[in-house]
Protein backbone atom coordinates (compact mmCIF):
# COMPACT_ATOMS: atom_id res chain seq x y z
CA MET A 1 51.99 12.65 -28.96
CA THR A 2 49.30 12.26 -31.90
CA GLY A 3 50.03 9.50 -33.60
CA HIS A 4 47.44 6.04 -33.16
CA VAL A 5 46.10 3.99 -30.87
CA VAL A 6 43.79 0.48 -31.80
CA LEU A 7 41.18 -0.43 -30.01
CA LEU A 8 39.32 -4.07 -30.14
CA ALA A 9 36.16 -3.75 -31.34
CA GLY A 10 34.78 -7.29 -31.12
CA TYR A 11 35.16 -10.71 -32.27
CA SER A 12 34.97 -12.46 -35.23
CA GLU A 13 35.37 -16.31 -35.53
CA GLN A 14 37.33 -15.93 -32.46
CA GLN A 15 39.54 -13.42 -33.42
CA PRO A 16 39.48 -10.32 -32.44
CA VAL A 17 39.02 -7.46 -34.96
CA ASN A 18 40.69 -4.19 -34.14
CA GLU A 19 40.30 -0.79 -35.65
CA VAL A 20 43.30 1.64 -35.56
CA VAL A 21 42.15 5.61 -34.49
CA PRO A 22 43.42 8.65 -34.59
CA ALA A 23 44.19 9.93 -30.33
CA THR A 24 47.30 11.82 -28.69
CA LEU A 25 49.42 9.41 -26.58
CA VAL A 26 48.84 10.88 -22.67
CA GLU A 27 51.30 8.81 -20.68
CA ASP A 28 51.85 5.13 -21.17
CA GLY A 29 48.46 3.71 -22.01
CA VAL A 30 45.60 7.04 -21.77
CA TYR A 31 44.91 8.56 -25.11
CA ASP A 32 42.68 10.96 -25.67
CA VAL A 33 40.80 9.72 -29.24
CA LEU A 34 40.32 12.13 -31.53
CA GLY A 35 38.32 10.23 -34.69
CA SER A 36 35.39 8.56 -34.13
CA PRO A 37 35.72 4.29 -34.17
CA ALA A 38 33.07 3.15 -36.43
CA MET A 39 33.84 -0.42 -34.87
CA ALA A 40 35.38 -0.20 -31.49
CA TYR A 41 31.74 0.89 -29.59
CA GLY A 42 31.68 2.74 -26.70
CA CYS A 43 33.68 6.31 -26.64
CA ALA A 44 34.51 8.93 -28.86
CA ALA A 45 35.99 11.33 -30.23
CA GLY A 46 37.30 14.09 -27.07
CA ASP A 47 37.26 10.74 -24.75
CA ARG A 48 39.94 9.62 -22.97
CA VAL A 49 40.33 5.94 -22.57
CA ARG A 50 42.76 4.38 -21.30
CA VAL A 51 43.91 1.21 -23.62
CA ALA A 52 45.29 -2.30 -22.29
CA ALA A 53 47.79 -4.73 -24.33
CA ASP A 54 45.06 -6.56 -26.26
CA GLY A 55 43.06 -2.97 -27.00
CA SER A 56 40.61 -3.35 -24.98
CA PHE A 57 39.57 0.07 -23.34
CA GLU A 58 37.96 1.68 -20.51
CA VAL A 59 36.68 5.46 -21.25
CA LEU A 60 38.30 6.52 -17.88
CA ARG A 61 36.74 10.95 -18.82
CA ARG A 62 34.15 12.07 -21.98
CA GLY A 63 34.36 14.11 -24.24
CA GLY A 64 31.15 15.09 -24.46
CA GLN A 65 30.69 13.86 -29.03
CA ARG A 66 26.95 12.52 -29.03
CA LEU A 67 25.21 9.96 -31.06
CA PRO A 68 22.91 10.44 -33.49
CA PHE A 69 19.69 10.10 -32.52
CA GLY A 70 18.46 7.34 -32.34
CA ALA A 71 21.25 5.87 -31.62
CA ALA A 72 22.21 4.27 -28.62
CA ARG A 73 25.05 3.36 -26.10
CA ASP A 74 25.60 0.76 -23.38
CA ASP A 75 26.48 3.49 -20.71
CA ALA A 76 23.48 6.05 -21.53
């Protein structure tokens, strides 16, 4: 089912900052990300992620999207 998922982008003044991104639900808690987040670093369009109740996420599979030249990824 295509819709949206809420990803944890970080914290500001000890409060969570979330980003809503388009995604397709694959199974409970697992989504295919359809649009690259602007604030939630570590995933991109095409990635499959497992999302926890607090919005934190783990990338299960990379979808092949690349960051612009000069941008750094913490998992590169």
